[in-house]
Amino acid sequence: MLSDGSVTQFRALSPDELDAKCAGEGLEGSAIVSSGALRGNTPENRPQVSQILRRVGGYNLDEFVKPDQPFNLSKLIVGSEGTLGVVLEAKINLVPLPAAKAVLAIQFADLLEALEARR
C-alpha cells in the first residue's frame, strides 16, 4: 500500500507494461518514472554500493541502472523500511547459505588513518 492509500503489486515489468505504467497517473506511475530516470545516468553518476550478499537497508537505487534487467519496483520497496509504502503480502525467494564464511577485523589508530586506507 502506497502513502496515498492505493494498493499495487510490484513485480518485474516487461517493456510494454513499463510504458503503460509510466503513462498512468498516480503515485505508482510517478515512482516508476522517477526511478526509471536512473537508467540513463552515466556510470560516474550512478549510485555506488558495496557488493555484499545481504543488502536490505537503503533504497537499492543501483538496481534501476541496469538496462539489461527487468524493471522491478519491489527492489526499491524492500529497503525503504516503510518510508515509501507498506508491504501487505510478499513472495520471497530464498538463497542457499554460502559454503564458507569469514570475518575480518581491521583496526586503525584513528578515523583519519581509516579514511586514508580507502584510497
C-alpha atoms as a PDB file:
ATOM      1  CA  MET A   1       0.000   0.000   0.000  1.00  0.00           C
ATOM      2  CA  LEU A   2       1.447   3.346  -1.031  1.00  0.00           C
ATOM      3  CA  SER A   3       1.304   6.530   1.025  1.00  0.00           C
ATOM      4  CA  ASP A   4      -1.724   7.771  -0.934  1.00  0.00           C
ATOM      5  CA  GLY A   5      -3.691   4.666   0.117  1.00  0.00           C
ATOM      6  CA  SER A   6      -3.524   2.957  -3.276  1.00  0.00           C
ATOM      7  CA  VAL A   7      -2.754  -0.752  -3.339  1.00  0.00           C
ATOM      8  CA  THR A   8      -0.498  -2.031  -6.100  1.00  0.00           C
ATOM      9  CA  GLN A   9       1.533  -5.095  -6.953  1.00  0.00           C
ATOM     10  CA  PHE A  10       5.224  -4.599  -7.669  1.00  0.00           C
ATOM     11  CA  ARG A  11       6.886  -7.175  -9.908  1.00  0.00           C
ATOM     12  CA  ALA A  12       9.216  -7.361 -12.884  1.00  0.00           C
ATOM     13  CA  LEU A  13       7.666  -5.451 -15.778  1.00  0.00           C
ATOM     14  CA  SER A  14       8.047  -6.092 -19.490  1.00  0.00           C
ATOM     15  CA  PRO A  15       8.942  -3.049 -21.636  1.00  0.00           C
ATOM     16  CA  ASP A  16       5.287  -2.697 -22.762  1.00  0.00           C
ATOM     17  CA  GLU A  17       3.986  -2.913 -19.188  1.00  0.00           C
ATOM     18  CA  LEU A  18       6.598  -0.369 -18.107  1.00  0.00           C
ATOM     19  CA  ASP A  19       5.476   2.088 -20.801  1.00  0.00           C
ATOM     20  CA  ALA A  20       1.821   1.674 -19.790  1.00  0.00           C
ATOM     21  CA  LYS A  21       2.605   2.246 -16.081  1.00  0.00           C
ATOM     22  CA  CYS A  22       4.682   5.359 -16.911  1.00  0.00           C
ATOM     23  CA  ALA A  23       1.748   6.805 -18.842  1.00  0.00           C
ATOM     24  CA  GLY A  24      -0.616   6.191 -15.920  1.00  0.00           C
ATOM     25  CA  GLU A  25      -1.405   8.691 -13.218  1.00  0.00           C
ATOM     26  CA  GLY A  26      -0.893   8.347  -9.505  1.00  0.00           C
ATOM     27  CA  LEU A  27       1.922   7.649  -7.119  1.00  0.00           C
ATOM     28  CA  GLU A  28       2.940   4.329  -8.680  1.00  0.00           C
ATOM     29  CA  GLY A  29       3.439   5.903 -12.111  1.00  0.00           C
ATOM     30  CA  SER A  30       5.433   8.768 -10.585  1.00  0.00           C
ATOM     31  CA  ALA A  31       7.695   6.332  -8.723  1.00  0.00           C
ATOM     32  CA  ILE A  32       8.306   4.341 -11.892  1.00  0.00           C
ATOM     33  CA  VAL A  33       9.144   7.435 -13.927  1.00  0.00           C
ATOM     34  CA  SER A  34      11.466   8.791 -11.210  1.00  0.00           C
ATOM     35  CA  SER A  35      13.390   5.573 -10.647  1.00  0.00           C
ATOM     36  CA  GLY A  36      13.414   4.800 -14.373  1.00  0.00           C
ATOM     37  CA  ALA A  37      15.299   8.046 -14.952  1.00  0.00           C
ATOM     38  CA  LEU A  38      18.328   6.409 -13.319  1.00  0.00           C
ATOM     39  CA  ARG A  39      18.740   4.103 -16.326  1.00  0.00           C
ATOM     40  CA  GLY A  40      20.072   6.964 -18.429  1.00  0.00           C
ATOM     41  CA  ASN A  41      22.741   8.001 -15.922  1.00  0.00           C
ATOM     42  CA  THR A  42      26.370   7.710 -16.875  1.00  0.00           C
ATOM     43  CA  PRO A  43      28.450   5.258 -14.784  1.00  0.00           C
ATOM     44  CA  GLU A  44      30.057   8.049 -12.743  1.00  0.00           C
ATOM     45  CA  ASN A  45      26.614   9.394 -11.726  1.00  0.00           C
ATOM     46  CA  ARG A  46      25.158   6.034 -10.756  1.00  0.00           C
ATOM     47  CA  PRO A  47      24.639   5.031  -7.117  1.00  0.00           C
ATOM     48  CA  GLN A  48      27.695   3.247  -5.701  1.00  0.00           C
ATOM     49  CA  VAL A  49      27.130   0.375  -3.271  1.00  0.00           C
ATOM     50  CA  SER A  50      29.219  -2.413  -1.839  1.00  0.00           C
ATOM     51  CA  GLN A  51      28.818  -5.840  -3.374  1.00  0.00           C
ATOM     52  CA  ILE A  52      27.642  -7.738  -0.303  1.00  0.00           C
ATOM     53  CA  LEU A  53      25.464 -10.827  -0.086  1.00  0.00           C
ATOM     54  CA  ARG A  54      22.672  -9.436   2.098  1.00  0.00           C
ATOM     55  CA  ARG A  55      21.697  -5.827   1.484  1.00  0.00           C
ATOM     56  CA  VAL A  56      18.338  -4.786   2.922  1.00  0.00           C
ATOM     57  CA  GLY A  57      18.897  -1.207   4.058  1.00  0.00           C
ATOM     58  CA  GLY A  58      18.524   1.758   1.762  1.00  0.00           C
ATOM     59  CA  TYR A  59      16.551   2.267  -1.419  1.00  0.00           C
ATOM     60  CA  ASN A  60      18.674  -0.052  -3.646  1.00  0.00           C
ATOM     61  CA  LEU A  61      18.800   2.579  -6.405  1.00  0.00           C
ATOM     62  CA  ASP A  62      21.639   0.747  -8.129  1.00  0.00           C
ATOM     63  CA  GLU A  63      19.098  -1.880  -9.232  1.00  0.00           C
ATOM     64  CA  PHE A  64      17.500   0.644 -11.589  1.00  0.00           C
ATOM     65  CA  VAL A  65      20.588   1.499 -13.636  1.00  0.00           C
ATOM     66  CA  LYS A  66      20.862  -1.961 -15.194  1.00  0.00           C
ATOM     67  CA  PRO A  67      19.122  -1.690 -18.576  1.00  0.00           C
ATOM     68  CA  ASP A  68      19.570  -5.416 -19.248  1.00  0.00           C
ATOM     69  CA  GLN A  69      17.395  -6.397 -16.255  1.00  0.00           C
ATOM     70  CA  PRO A  70      13.597  -6.126 -15.966  1.00  0.00           C
ATOM     71  CA  PHE A  71      12.299  -3.043 -14.185  1.00  0.00           C
ATOM     72  CA  ASN A  72      11.013  -4.055 -10.735  1.00  0.00           C
ATOM     73  CA  LEU A  73       9.920  -1.544  -8.069  1.00  0.00           C
ATOM     74  CA  SER A  74       9.829  -4.250  -5.383  1.00  0.00           C
ATOM     75  CA  LYS A  75      13.618  -3.797  -5.180  1.00  0.00           C
ATOM     76  CA  LEU A  76      13.002  -0.200  -4.130  1.00  0.00           C
ATOM     77  CA  ILE A  77      10.369  -1.047  -1.518  1.00  0.00           C
ATOM     78  CA  VAL A  78      12.388  -3.815   0.157  1.00  0.00           C
ATOM     79  CA  GLY A  79      14.982  -1.411   1.567  1.00  0.00           C
ATOM     80  CA  SER A  80      12.728   1.542   2.275  1.00  0.00           C
ATOM     81  CA  GLU A  81      11.771   0.324   5.769  1.00  0.00           C
ATOM     82  CA  GLY A  82       8.200   1.566   5.421  1.00  0.00           C
ATOM     83  CA  THR A  83       9.032   5.082   4.233  1.00  0.00           C
ATOM     84  CA  LEU A  84       7.626   4.527   0.728  1.00  0.00           C
ATOM     85  CA  GLY A  85       4.804   2.129   1.443  1.00  0.00           C
ATOM     86  CA  VAL A  86       3.642  -0.827   3.487  1.00  0.00           C
ATOM     87  CA  VAL A  87       4.025  -4.404   2.277  1.00  0.00           C
ATOM     88  CA  LEU A  88       0.714  -6.217   2.717  1.00  0.00           C
ATOM     89  CA  GLU A  89       1.798  -9.512   1.168  1.00  0.00           C
ATOM     90  CA  ALA A  90       5.160 -10.780  -0.113  1.00  0.00           C
ATOM     91  CA  LYS A  91       6.505 -13.695  -2.093  1.00  0.00           C
ATOM     92  CA  ILE A  92      10.181 -14.327  -1.365  1.00  0.00           C
ATOM     93  CA  ASN A  93      12.968 -16.297  -2.992  1.00  0.00           C
ATOM     94  CA  LEU A  94      15.374 -17.881  -0.538  1.00  0.00           C
ATOM     95  CA  VAL A  95      19.006 -18.446  -1.474  1.00  0.00           C
ATOM     96  CA  PRO A  96      21.347 -21.098  -0.065  1.00  0.00           C
ATOM     97  CA  LEU A  97      23.903 -20.136   2.557  1.00  0.00           C
ATOM     98  CA  PRO A  98      27.455 -19.633   1.271  1.00  0.00           C
ATOM     99  CA  ALA A  99      29.782 -22.620   1.577  1.00  0.00           C
ATOM    100  CA  ALA A 100      32.356 -20.615   3.535  1.00  0.00           C
ATOM    101  CA  LYS A 101      32.152 -17.693   5.925  1.00  0.00           C
ATOM    102  CA  ALA A 102      34.876 -15.388   7.184  1.00  0.00           C
ATOM    103  CA  VAL A 103      35.190 -12.386   9.457  1.00  0.00           C
ATOM    104  CA  LEU A 104      37.892  -9.772   9.079  1.00  0.00           C
ATOM    105  CA  ALA A 105      38.512  -7.057  11.660  1.00  0.00           C
ATOM    106  CA  ILE A 106      40.886  -4.239  10.771  1.00  0.00           C
ATOM    107  CA  GLN A 107      41.921  -1.799  13.472  1.00  0.00           C
ATOM    108  CA  PHE A 108      43.093   1.763  12.978  1.00  0.00           C
ATOM    109  CA  ALA A 109      44.632   4.192  15.426  1.00  0.00           C
ATOM    110  CA  ASP A 110      42.160   6.931  14.473  1.00  0.00           C
ATOM    111  CA  LEU A 111      39.469   7.918  11.994  1.00  0.00           C
ATOM    112  CA  LEU A 112      41.827   9.723   9.619  1.00  0.00           C
ATOM    113  CA  GLU A 113      44.004   6.626   9.271  1.00  0.00           C
ATOM    114  CA  ALA A 114      40.926   4.566   8.407  1.00  0.00           C
ATOM    115  CA  LEU A 115      39.814   7.105   5.805  1.00  0.00           C
ATOM    116  CA  GLU A 116      43.255   7.120   4.197  1.00  0.00           C
ATOM    117  CA  ALA A 117      43.162   3.312   3.851  1.00  0.00           C
ATOM    118  CA  ARG A 118      40.211   3.551   1.471  1.00  0.00           C
ATOM    119  CA  ARG A 119      42.311   5.191  -1.235  1.00  0.00           C
END
